[in-house]
């Protein structure tokens, strides 16, 4: 889940810019929103993995990543695409932190 979500944005950026009817310059903001979501997801999940079951949190974040990935090509506005990639970033932060937490336990 993490690898697909991480690698799909670059190769599809031209198609996404066509879908939203904007130049690559305007659509490239999705890299920033995904990174901000990743940092947010990492910080929040660090606290949540101390209090809740790691398997449950990973089970919740994986469908969130899938939904963000599935709906990304369907948006026709940059703002909605940015929200979708922000959601992906949060999920990626949870998956990355959760995987490391489970390895260390």
PDB file of N, CA and C in Angstrom:
ATOM      1  N   UNK A   1       0.809  -1.191   0.000  1.00  0.00           N
ATOM      2  CA  UNK A   1       0.000   0.000   0.000  1.00  0.00           C
ATOM      3  C   UNK A   1       0.854   1.257   0.000  1.00  0.00           C
ATOM      4  N   UNK A   2       1.919   1.256   0.786  1.00  0.00           N
ATOM      5  CA  UNK A   2       2.741   2.457   0.903  1.00  0.00           C
ATOM      6  C   UNK A   2       3.520   2.725  -0.384  1.00  0.00           C
ATOM      7  N   UNK A   3       4.040   1.691  -0.994  1.00  0.00           N
ATOM      8  CA  UNK A   3       4.828   1.861  -2.212  1.00  0.00           C
ATOM      9  C   UNK A   3       4.015   2.372  -3.386  1.00  0.00           C
ATOM     10  N   UNK A   4       2.816   1.845  -3.560  1.00  0.00           N
ATOM     11  CA  UNK A   4       1.948   2.287  -4.653  1.00  0.00           C
ATOM     12  C   UNK A   4       1.560   3.747  -4.449  1.00  0.00           C
ATOM     13  N   UNK A   5       1.178   4.079  -3.232  1.00  0.00           N
ATOM     14  CA  UNK A   5       0.766   5.446  -2.939  1.00  0.00           C
ATOM     15  C   UNK A   5       1.921   6.414  -3.139  1.00  0.00           C
ATOM     16  N   UNK A   6       3.094   6.007  -2.725  1.00  0.00           N
ATOM     17  CA  UNK A   6       4.255   6.871  -2.831  1.00  0.00           C
ATOM     18  C   UNK A   6       4.685   7.090  -4.274  1.00  0.00           C
ATOM     19  N   UNK A   7       4.638   6.050  -5.070  1.00  0.00           N
ATOM     20  CA  UNK A   7       5.200   6.129  -6.420  1.00  0.00           C
ATOM     21  C   UNK A   7       4.208   6.560  -7.498  1.00  0.00           C
ATOM     22  N   UNK A   8       2.931   6.609  -7.229  1.00  0.00           N
ATOM     23  CA  UNK A   8       1.976   6.873  -8.300  1.00  0.00           C
ATOM     24  C   UNK A   8       1.869   8.335  -8.700  1.00  0.00           C
ATOM     25  N   UNK A   9       2.235   9.250  -7.845  1.00  0.00           N
ATOM     26  CA  UNK A   9       1.989  10.662  -8.119  1.00  0.00           C
ATOM     27  C   UNK A   9       2.865  11.210  -9.243  1.00  0.00           C
ATOM     28  N   UNK A  10       4.135  10.898  -9.231  1.00  0.00           N
ATOM     29  CA  UNK A  10       5.041  11.430 -10.252  1.00  0.00           C
ATOM     30  C   UNK A  10       4.672  11.043 -11.674  1.00  0.00           C
ATOM     31  N   UNK A  11       4.527   9.748 -11.967  1.00  0.00           N
ATOM     32  CA  UNK A  11       4.208   9.339 -13.338  1.00  0.00           C
ATOM     33  C   UNK A  11       2.830   9.786 -13.825  1.00  0.00           C
ATOM     34  N   UNK A  12       1.921  10.064 -12.915  1.00  0.00           N
ATOM     35  CA  UNK A  12       0.566  10.440 -13.323  1.00  0.00           C
ATOM     36  C   UNK A  12       0.325  11.945 -13.279  1.00  0.00           C
ATOM     37  N   UNK A  13       1.340  12.726 -12.960  1.00  0.00           N
ATOM     38  CA  UNK A  13       1.140  14.164 -12.789  1.00  0.00           C
ATOM     39  C   UNK A  13       0.641  14.831 -14.067  1.00  0.00           C
ATOM     40  N   UNK A  14       1.152  14.444 -15.210  1.00  0.00           N
ATOM     41  CA  UNK A  14       0.700  15.034 -16.475  1.00  0.00           C
ATOM     42  C   UNK A  14      -0.782  14.723 -16.718  1.00  0.00           C
ATOM     43  N   UNK A  15      -1.185  13.499 -16.457  1.00  0.00           N
ATOM     44  CA  UNK A  15      -2.597  13.126 -16.616  1.00  0.00           C
ATOM     45  C   UNK A  15      -3.484  13.872 -15.617  1.00  0.00           C
ATOM     46  N   UNK A  16      -2.998  14.007 -14.391  1.00  0.00           N
ATOM     47  CA  UNK A  16      -3.773  14.727 -13.384  1.00  0.00           C
ATOM     48  C   UNK A  16      -3.939  16.196 -13.764  1.00  0.00           C
ATOM     49  N   UNK A  17      -2.886  16.789 -14.322  1.00  0.00           N
ATOM     50  CA  UNK A  17      -2.998  18.182 -14.749  1.00  0.00           C
ATOM     51  C   UNK A  17      -3.994  18.324 -15.897  1.00  0.00           C
ATOM     52  N   UNK A  18      -4.053  17.337 -16.768  1.00  0.00           N
ATOM     53  CA  UNK A  18      -5.042  17.347 -17.848  1.00  0.00           C
ATOM     54  C   UNK A  18      -6.454  17.231 -17.281  1.00  0.00           C
ATOM     55  N   UNK A  19      -6.637  16.355 -16.283  1.00  0.00           N
ATOM     56  CA  UNK A  19      -7.962  16.159 -15.678  1.00  0.00           C
ATOM     57  C   UNK A  19      -8.495  17.422 -15.019  1.00  0.00           C
ATOM     58  N   UNK A  20      -7.621  18.153 -14.353  1.00  0.00           N
ATOM     59  CA  UNK A  20      -8.066  19.360 -13.656  1.00  0.00           C
ATOM     60  C   UNK A  20      -7.996  20.595 -14.546  1.00  0.00           C
ATOM     61  N   UNK A  21      -7.429  20.472 -15.737  1.00  0.00           N
ATOM     62  CA  UNK A  21      -7.385  21.588 -16.671  1.00  0.00           C
ATOM     63  C   UNK A  21      -6.429  22.693 -16.249  1.00  0.00           C
ATOM     64  N   UNK A  22      -5.351  22.322 -15.572  1.00  0.00           N
ATOM     65  CA  UNK A  22      -4.368  23.301 -15.103  1.00  0.00           C
ATOM     66  C   UNK A  22      -2.976  22.892 -15.589  1.00  0.00           C
ATOM     67  N   UNK A  23      -2.060  23.837 -15.540  1.00  0.00           N
ATOM     68  CA  UNK A  23      -0.685  23.550 -15.945  1.00  0.00           C
ATOM     69  C   UNK A  23       0.007  22.714 -14.865  1.00  0.00           C
ATOM     70  N   UNK A  24       1.135  22.137 -15.241  1.00  0.00           N
ATOM     71  CA  UNK A  24       1.918  21.350 -14.281  1.00  0.00           C
ATOM     72  C   UNK A  24       2.363  22.204 -13.102  1.00  0.00           C
ATOM     73  N   UNK A  25       2.610  23.468 -13.364  1.00  0.00           N
ATOM     74  CA  UNK A  25       3.033  24.382 -12.308  1.00  0.00           C
ATOM     75  C   UNK A  25       1.980  24.470 -11.207  1.00  0.00           C
ATOM     76  N   UNK A  26       0.723  24.512 -11.588  1.00  0.00           N
ATOM     77  CA  UNK A  26      -0.356  24.615 -10.599  1.00  0.00           C
ATOM     78  C   UNK A  26      -0.664  23.279  -9.934  1.00  0.00           C
ATOM     79  N   UNK A  27      -0.512  22.205 -10.665  1.00  0.00           N
ATOM     80  CA  UNK A  27      -0.841  20.887 -10.127  1.00  0.00           C
ATOM     81  C   UNK A  27       0.288  20.351  -9.241  1.00  0.00           C
ATOM     82  N   UNK A  28       1.497  20.854  -9.414  1.00  0.00           N
ATOM     83  CA  UNK A  28       2.632  20.372  -8.629  1.00  0.00           C
ATOM     84  C   UNK A  28       2.470  20.628  -7.134  1.00  0.00           C
ATOM     85  N   UNK A  29       1.481  21.425  -6.755  1.00  0.00           N
ATOM     86  CA  UNK A  29       1.213  21.675  -5.336  1.00  0.00           C
ATOM     87  C   UNK A  29       0.837  20.377  -4.612  1.00  0.00           C
ATOM     88  N   UNK A  30       0.416  19.371  -5.353  1.00  0.00           N
ATOM     89  CA  UNK A  30       0.029  18.120  -4.717  1.00  0.00           C
ATOM     90  C   UNK A  30       1.212  17.434  -4.036  1.00  0.00           C
ATOM     91  N   UNK A  31       2.424  17.677  -4.519  1.00  0.00           N
ATOM     92  CA  UNK A  31       3.595  17.119  -3.839  1.00  0.00           C
ATOM     93  C   UNK A  31       3.754  17.749  -2.456  1.00  0.00           C
ATOM     94  N   UNK A  32       3.509  19.042  -2.387  1.00  0.00           N
ATOM     95  CA  UNK A  32       3.614  19.743  -1.104  1.00  0.00           C
ATOM     96  C   UNK A  32       2.517  19.299  -0.156  1.00  0.00           C
ATOM     97  N   UNK A  33       1.287  19.201  -0.655  1.00  0.00           N
ATOM     98  CA  UNK A  33       0.185  18.803   0.235  1.00  0.00           C
ATOM     99  C   UNK A  33       0.364  17.373   0.731  1.00  0.00           C
ATOM    100  N   UNK A  34       0.881  16.499  -0.131  1.00  0.00           N
ATOM    101  CA  UNK A  34       1.115  15.129   0.322  1.00  0.00           C
ATOM    102  C   UNK A  34       2.201  15.094   1.389  1.00  0.00           C
ATOM    103  N   UNK A  35       3.236  15.891   1.223  1.00  0.00           N
ATOM    104  CA  UNK A  35       4.319  15.919   2.208  1.00  0.00           C
ATOM    105  C   UNK A  35       3.854  16.499   3.538  1.00  0.00           C
ATOM    106  N   UNK A  36       3.037  17.529   3.488  1.00  0.00           N
ATOM    107  CA  UNK A  36       2.491  18.101   4.719  1.00  0.00           C
ATOM    108  C   UNK A  36       1.602  17.069   5.417  1.00  0.00           C
ATOM    109  N   UNK A  37       0.794  16.350   4.646  1.00  0.00           N
ATOM    110  CA  UNK A  37      -0.018  15.282   5.216  1.00  0.00           C
ATOM    111  C   UNK A  37       0.825  14.182   5.824  1.00  0.00           C
ATOM    112  N   UNK A  38       1.942  13.869   5.180  1.00  0.00           N
ATOM    113  CA  UNK A  38       2.843  12.839   5.691  1.00  0.00           C
ATOM    114  C   UNK A  38       3.416  13.239   7.049  1.00  0.00           C
ATOM    115  N   UNK A  39       3.868  14.480   7.157  1.00  0.00           N
ATOM    116  CA  UNK A  39       4.411  14.953   8.434  1.00  0.00           C
ATOM    117  C   UNK A  39       3.322  14.947   9.498  1.00  0.00           C
ATOM    118  N   UNK A  40       2.145  15.424   9.148  1.00  0.00           N
ATOM    119  CA  UNK A  40       1.022  15.433  10.090  1.00  0.00           C
ATOM    120  C   UNK A  40       0.677  14.007  10.538  1.00  0.00           C
ATOM    121  N   UNK A  41       0.592  13.082   9.578  1.00  0.00           N
ATOM    122  CA  UNK A  41       0.278  11.695   9.907  1.00  0.00           C
ATOM    123  C   UNK A  41       1.336  11.039  10.765  1.00  0.00           C
ATOM    124  N   UNK A  42       2.581  11.348  10.522  1.00  0.00           N
ATOM    125  CA  UNK A  42       3.673  10.777  11.308  1.00  0.00           C
ATOM    126  C   UNK A  42       3.624  11.264  12.750  1.00  0.00           C
ATOM    127  N   UNK A  43       3.430  12.566  12.922  1.00  0.00           N
ATOM    128  CA  UNK A  43       3.396  13.132  14.276  1.00  0.00           C
ATOM    129  C   UNK A  43       2.191  12.613  15.057  1.00  0.00           C
ATOM    130  N   UNK A  44       1.027  12.652  14.446  1.00  0.00           N
ATOM    131  CA  UNK A  44      -0.194  12.206  15.138  1.00  0.00           C
ATOM    132  C   UNK A  44      -0.128  10.713  15.434  1.00  0.00           C
ATOM    133  N   UNK A  45       0.338   9.932  14.469  1.00  0.00           N
ATOM    134  CA  UNK A  45       0.372   8.481  14.690  1.00  0.00           C
ATOM    135  C   UNK A  45       1.374   8.098  15.766  1.00  0.00           C
ATOM    136  N   UNK A  46       2.426   8.885  15.926  1.00  0.00           N
ATOM    137  CA  UNK A  46       3.389   8.596  16.991  1.00  0.00           C
ATOM    138  C   UNK A  46       2.734   8.577  18.354  1.00  0.00           C
ATOM    139  N   UNK A  47       1.823   9.503  18.577  1.00  0.00           N
ATOM    140  CA  UNK A  47       1.090   9.542  19.842  1.00  0.00           C
ATOM    141  C   UNK A  47       0.026   8.437  19.905  1.00  0.00           C
ATOM    142  N   UNK A  48      -0.656   8.217  18.784  1.00  0.00           N
ATOM    143  CA  UNK A  48      -1.740   7.230  18.785  1.00  0.00           C
ATOM    144  C   UNK A  48      -1.237   5.800  18.931  1.00  0.00           C
ATOM    145  N   UNK A  49      -0.073   5.497  18.362  1.00  0.00           N
ATOM    146  CA  UNK A  49       0.457   4.140  18.477  1.00  0.00           C
ATOM    147  C   UNK A  49       0.880   3.811  19.905  1.00  0.00           C
ATOM    148  N   UNK A  50       1.105   4.825  20.725  1.00  0.00           N
ATOM    149  CA  UNK A  50       1.399   4.584  22.141  1.00  0.00           C
ATOM    150  C   UNK A  50       0.141   4.235  22.926  1.00  0.00           C
ATOM    151  N   UNK A  51      -1.016   4.684  22.467  1.00  0.00           N
ATOM    152  CA  UNK A  51      -2.256   4.522  23.224  1.00  0.00           C
ATOM    153  C   UNK A  51      -3.175   3.430  22.686  1.00  0.00           C
ATOM    154  N   UNK A  52      -3.118   3.170  21.377  1.00  0.00           N
ATOM    155  CA  UNK A  52      -4.058   2.241  20.752  1.00  0.00           C
ATOM    156  C   UNK A  52      -3.324   1.087  20.074  1.00  0.00           C
ATOM    157  N   UNK A  53      -4.081   0.089  19.699  1.00  0.00           N
ATOM    158  CA  UNK A  53      -3.536  -1.096  19.044  1.00  0.00           C
ATOM    159  C   UNK A  53      -2.978  -0.747  17.663  1.00  0.00           C
ATOM    160  N   UNK A  54      -1.752  -1.102  17.415  1.00  0.00           N
ATOM    161  CA  UNK A  54      -1.084  -0.768  16.156  1.00  0.00           C
ATOM    162  C   UNK A  54      -1.771  -1.435  14.965  1.00  0.00           C
ATOM    163  N   UNK A  55      -2.204  -2.657  15.110  1.00  0.00           N
ATOM    164  CA  UNK A  55      -2.868  -3.359  14.004  1.00  0.00           C
ATOM    165  C   UNK A  55      -4.161  -2.660  13.605  1.00  0.00           C
ATOM    166  N   UNK A  56      -4.894  -2.185  14.595  1.00  0.00           N
ATOM    167  CA  UNK A  56      -6.145  -1.480  14.315  1.00  0.00           C
ATOM    168  C   UNK A  56      -5.870  -0.179  13.566  1.00  0.00           C
ATOM    169  N   UNK A  57      -4.885   0.573  14.019  1.00  0.00           N
ATOM    170  CA  UNK A  57      -4.570   1.850  13.367  1.00  0.00           C
ATOM    171  C   UNK A  57      -4.088   1.638  11.932  1.00  0.00           C
ATOM    172  N   UNK A  58      -3.311   0.600  11.707  1.00  0.00           N
ATOM    173  CA  UNK A  58      -2.872   0.294  10.347  1.00  0.00           C
ATOM    174  C   UNK A  58      -4.043  -0.156   9.483  1.00  0.00           C
ATOM    175  N   UNK A  59      -4.959  -0.907  10.081  1.00  0.00           N
ATOM    176  CA  UNK A  59      -6.138  -1.368   9.340  1.00  0.00           C
ATOM    177  C   UNK A  59      -7.050  -0.208   8.956  1.00  0.00           C
ATOM    178  N   UNK A  60      -7.037   0.852   9.735  1.00  0.00           N
ATOM    179  CA  UNK A  60      -7.832   2.035   9.401  1.00  0.00           C
ATOM    180  C   UNK A  60      -7.122   2.889   8.357  1.00  0.00           C
ATOM    181  N   UNK A  61      -5.815   3.014   8.464  1.00  0.00           N
ATOM    182  CA  UNK A  61      -5.090   3.906   7.559  1.00  0.00           C
ATOM    183  C   UNK A  61      -4.926   3.333   6.154  1.00  0.00           C
ATOM    184  N   UNK A  62      -4.883   2.024   6.014  1.00  0.00           N
ATOM    185  CA  UNK A  62      -4.703   1.435   4.684  1.00  0.00           C
ATOM    186  C   UNK A  62      -5.892   1.714   3.755  1.00  0.00           C
ATOM    187  N   UNK A  63      -7.140   1.543   4.196  1.00  0.00           N
ATOM    188  CA  UNK A  63      -8.260   1.932   3.316  1.00  0.00           C
ATOM    189  C   UNK A  63      -8.278   3.432   3.017  1.00  0.00           C
ATOM    190  N   UNK A  64      -7.823   4.241   3.960  1.00  0.00           N
ATOM    191  CA  UNK A  64      -7.748   5.677   3.723  1.00  0.00           C
ATOM    192  C   UNK A  64      -6.779   5.971   2.576  1.00  0.00           C
ATOM    193  N   UNK A  65      -5.681   5.269   2.549  1.00  0.00           N
ATOM    194  CA  UNK A  65      -4.720   5.407   1.456  1.00  0.00           C
ATOM    195  C   UNK A  65      -5.331   4.946   0.137  1.00  0.00           C
ATOM    196  N   UNK A  66      -6.046   3.845   0.180  1.00  0.00           N
ATOM    197  CA  UNK A  66      -6.676   3.317  -1.037  1.00  0.00           C
ATOM    198  C   UNK A  66      -7.712   4.290  -1.584  1.00  0.00           C
ATOM    199  N   UNK A  67      -8.507   4.861  -0.718  1.00  0.00           N
ATOM    200  CA  UNK A  67      -9.531   5.806  -1.163  1.00  0.00           C
ATOM    201  C   UNK A  67      -8.878   7.033  -1.796  1.00  0.00           C
ATOM    202  N   UNK A  68      -7.849   7.562  -1.150  1.00  0.00           N
ATOM    203  CA  UNK A  68      -7.144   8.710  -1.712  1.00  0.00           C
ATOM    204  C   UNK A  68      -6.538   8.412  -3.071  1.00  0.00           C
ATOM    205  N   UNK A  69      -6.040   7.207  -3.252  1.00  0.00           N
ATOM    206  CA  UNK A  69      -5.432   6.817  -4.521  1.00  0.00           C
ATOM    207  C   UNK A  69      -6.482   6.603  -5.604  1.00  0.00           C
ATOM    208  N   UNK A  70      -7.603   6.018  -5.227  1.00  0.00           N
ATOM    209  CA  UNK A  70      -8.656   5.727  -6.206  1.00  0.00           C
ATOM    210  C   UNK A  70      -9.331   6.999  -6.710  1.00  0.00           C
ATOM    211  N   UNK A  71      -9.593   7.940  -5.819  1.00  0.00           N
ATOM    212  CA  UNK A  71     -10.348   9.131  -6.229  1.00  0.00           C
ATOM    213  C   UNK A  71      -9.463  10.221  -6.842  1.00  0.00           C
ATOM    214  N   UNK A  72      -8.161  10.135  -6.699  1.00  0.00           N
ATOM    215  CA  UNK A  72      -7.277  11.191  -7.222  1.00  0.00           C
ATOM    216  C   UNK A  72      -7.501  11.482  -8.707  1.00  0.00           C
ATOM    217  N   UNK A  73      -7.607  10.491  -9.578  1.00  0.00           N
ATOM    218  CA  UNK A  73      -7.801  10.825 -10.995  1.00  0.00           C
ATOM    219  C   UNK A  73      -9.220  11.286 -11.336  1.00  0.00           C
ATOM    220  N   UNK A  74     -10.126  11.208 -10.397  1.00  0.00           N
ATOM    221  CA  UNK A  74     -11.513  11.588 -10.673  1.00  0.00           C
ATOM    222  C   UNK A  74     -11.787  13.070 -10.465  1.00  0.00           C
ATOM    223  N   UNK A  75     -10.905  13.768  -9.752  1.00  0.00           N
ATOM    224  CA  UNK A  75     -11.150  15.172  -9.443  1.00  0.00           C
ATOM    225  C   UNK A  75     -10.940  16.047 -10.671  1.00  0.00           C
ATOM    226  N   UNK A  76     -11.724  17.113 -10.748  1.00  0.00           N
ATOM    227  CA  UNK A  76     -11.595  18.075 -11.841  1.00  0.00           C
ATOM    228  C   UNK A  76     -11.153  19.441 -11.334  1.00  0.00           C
ATOM    229  N   UNK A  77     -10.817  19.524 -10.045  1.00  0.00           N
ATOM    230  CA  UNK A  77     -10.320  20.776  -9.464  1.00  0.00           C
ATOM    231  C   UNK A  77      -9.067  20.489  -8.646  1.00  0.00           C
ATOM    232  N   UNK A  78      -8.128  21.415  -8.697  1.00  0.00           N
ATOM    233  CA  UNK A  78      -6.846  21.230  -8.025  1.00  0.00           C
ATOM    234  C   UNK A  78      -7.031  21.130  -6.514  1.00  0.00           C
ATOM    235  N   UNK A  79      -7.949  21.905  -5.957  1.00  0.00           N
ATOM    236  CA  UNK A  79      -8.154  21.889  -4.505  1.00  0.00           C
ATOM    237  C   UNK A  79      -8.598  20.507  -4.028  1.00  0.00           C
ATOM    238  N   UNK A  80      -9.481  19.868  -4.756  1.00  0.00           N
ATOM    239  CA  UNK A  80      -9.939  18.530  -4.372  1.00  0.00           C
ATOM    240  C   UNK A  80      -8.822  17.497  -4.542  1.00  0.00           C
ATOM    241  N   UNK A  81      -8.024  17.664  -5.580  1.00  0.00           N
ATOM    242  CA  UNK A  81      -6.868  16.787  -5.782  1.00  0.00           C
ATOM    243  C   UNK A  81      -5.874  16.959  -4.640  1.00  0.00           C
ATOM    244  N   UNK A  82      -5.693  18.192  -4.187  1.00  0.00           N
ATOM    245  CA  UNK A  82      -4.795  18.447  -3.070  1.00  0.00           C
ATOM    246  C   UNK A  82      -5.310  17.804  -1.787  1.00  0.00           C
ATOM    247  N   UNK A  83      -6.616  17.846  -1.563  1.00  0.00           N
ATOM    248  CA  UNK A  83      -7.197  17.187  -0.391  1.00  0.00           C
ATOM    249  C   UNK A  83      -6.968  15.679  -0.471  1.00  0.00           C
ATOM    250  N   UNK A  84      -7.127  15.133  -1.657  1.00  0.00           N
ATOM    251  CA  UNK A  84      -6.911  13.694  -1.847  1.00  0.00           C
ATOM    252  C   UNK A  84      -5.466  13.303  -1.558  1.00  0.00           C
ATOM    253  N   UNK A  85      -4.510  14.088  -2.045  1.00  0.00           N
ATOM    254  CA  UNK A  85      -3.116  13.757  -1.791  1.00  0.00           C
ATOM    255  C   UNK A  85      -2.725  14.039  -0.344  1.00  0.00           C
ATOM    256  N   UNK A  86      -3.375  15.011   0.283  1.00  0.00           N
ATOM    257  CA  UNK A  86      -3.145  15.250   1.712  1.00  0.00           C
ATOM    258  C   UNK A  86      -3.586  14.024   2.510  1.00  0.00           C
ATOM    259  N   UNK A  87      -4.730  13.461   2.135  1.00  0.00           N
ATOM    260  CA  UNK A  87      -5.227  12.240   2.773  1.00  0.00           C
ATOM    261  C   UNK A  87      -4.251  11.091   2.566  1.00  0.00           C
ATOM    262  N   UNK A  88      -3.721  10.978   1.370  1.00  0.00           N
ATOM    263  CA  UNK A  88      -2.716   9.953   1.110  1.00  0.00           C
ATOM    264  C   UNK A  88      -1.493  10.156   1.996  1.00  0.00           C
ATOM    265  N   UNK A  89      -1.084  11.398   2.142  1.00  0.00           N
ATOM    266  CA  UNK A  89       0.084  11.693   2.972  1.00  0.00           C
ATOM    267  C   UNK A  89      -0.126  11.311   4.422  1.00  0.00           C
ATOM    268  N   UNK A  90      -1.297  11.614   4.962  1.00  0.00           N
ATOM    269  CA  UNK A  90      -1.614  11.223   6.341  1.00  0.00           C
ATOM    270  C   UNK A  90      -1.524   9.706   6.475  1.00  0.00           C
ATOM    271  N   UNK A  91      -2.127   9.014   5.544  1.00  0.00           N
ATOM    272  CA  UNK A  91      -2.113   7.554   5.582  1.00  0.00           C
ATOM    273  C   UNK A  91      -0.688   7.011   5.455  1.00  0.00           C
ATOM    274  N   UNK A  92       0.108   7.612   4.591  1.00  0.00           N
ATOM    275  CA  UNK A  92       1.496   7.169   4.432  1.00  0.00           C
ATOM    276  C   UNK A  92       2.281   7.372   5.719  1.00  0.00           C
ATOM    277  N   UNK A  93       2.040   8.486   6.397  1.00  0.00           N
ATOM    278  CA  UNK A  93       2.698   8.727   7.680  1.00  0.00           C
ATOM    279  C   UNK A  93       2.321   7.679   8.711  1.00  0.00           C
ATOM    280  N   UNK A  94       1.022   7.326   8.748  1.00  0.00           N
ATOM    281  CA  UNK A  94       0.560   6.284   9.674  1.00  0.00           C
ATOM    282  C   UNK A  94       1.195   4.943   9.333  1.00  0.00           C
ATOM    283  N   UNK A  95       1.207   4.594   8.049  1.00  0.00           N
ATOM    284  CA  UNK A  95       1.747   3.298   7.641  1.00  0.00           C
ATOM    285  C   UNK A  95       3.244   3.201   7.914  1.00  0.00           C
ATOM    286  N   UNK A  96       3.956   4.249   7.639  1.00  0.00           N
ATOM    287  CA  UNK A  96       5.402   4.237   7.858  1.00  0.00           C
ATOM    288  C   UNK A  96       5.738   4.159   9.347  1.00  0.00           C
ATOM    289  N   UNK A  97       5.098   4.995  10.132  1.00  0.00           N
ATOM    290  CA  UNK A  97       5.344   4.980  11.581  1.00  0.00           C
ATOM    291  C   UNK A  97       4.863   3.669  12.196  1.00  0.00           C
ATOM    292  N   UNK A  98       3.691   3.223  11.774  1.00  0.00           N
ATOM    293  CA  UNK A  98       3.144   1.985  12.330  1.00  0.00           C
ATOM    294  C   UNK A  98       3.984   0.774  12.015  1.00  0.00           C
ATOM    295  N   UNK A  99       4.521   0.702  10.815  1.00  0.00           N
ATOM    296  CA  UNK A  99       5.404  -0.400  10.460  1.00  0.00           C
ATOM    297  C   UNK A  99       6.646  -0.422  11.327  1.00  0.00           C
ATOM    298  N   UNK A 100       7.208   0.757  11.558  1.00  0.00           N
ATOM    299  CA  UNK A 100       8.391   0.826  12.406  1.00  0.00           C
ATOM    300  C   UNK A 100       8.073   0.496  13.866  1.00  0.00           C
ATOM    301  N   UNK A 101       6.923   0.948  14.344  1.00  0.00           N
ATOM    302  CA  UNK A 101       6.519   0.643  15.720  1.00  0.00           C
ATOM    303  C   UNK A 101       6.343  -0.858  15.898  1.00  0.00           C
ATOM    304  N   UNK A 102       5.700  -1.492  14.937  1.00  0.00           N
ATOM    305  CA  UNK A 102       5.469  -2.928  15.056  1.00  0.00           C
ATOM    306  C   UNK A 102       6.772  -3.717  14.959  1.00  0.00           C
ATOM    307  N   UNK A 103       7.724  -3.223  14.197  1.00  0.00           N
ATOM    308  CA  UNK A 103       9.033  -3.889  14.122  1.00  0.00           C
ATOM    309  C   UNK A 103       9.784  -3.784  15.443  1.00  0.00           C
ATOM    310  N   UNK A 104       9.649  -2.653  16.109  1.00  0.00           N
ATOM    311  CA  UNK A 104      10.377  -2.445  17.343  1.00  0.00           C
ATOM    312  C   UNK A 104       9.753  -3.140  18.545  1.00  0.00           C
ATOM    313  N   UNK A 105       8.497  -3.472  18.459  1.00  0.00           N
ATOM    314  CA  UNK A 105       7.827  -4.132  19.591  1.00  0.00           C
ATOM    315  C   UNK A 105       8.043  -5.581  19.534  1.00  0.00           C
TER     316      UNK A 105
END
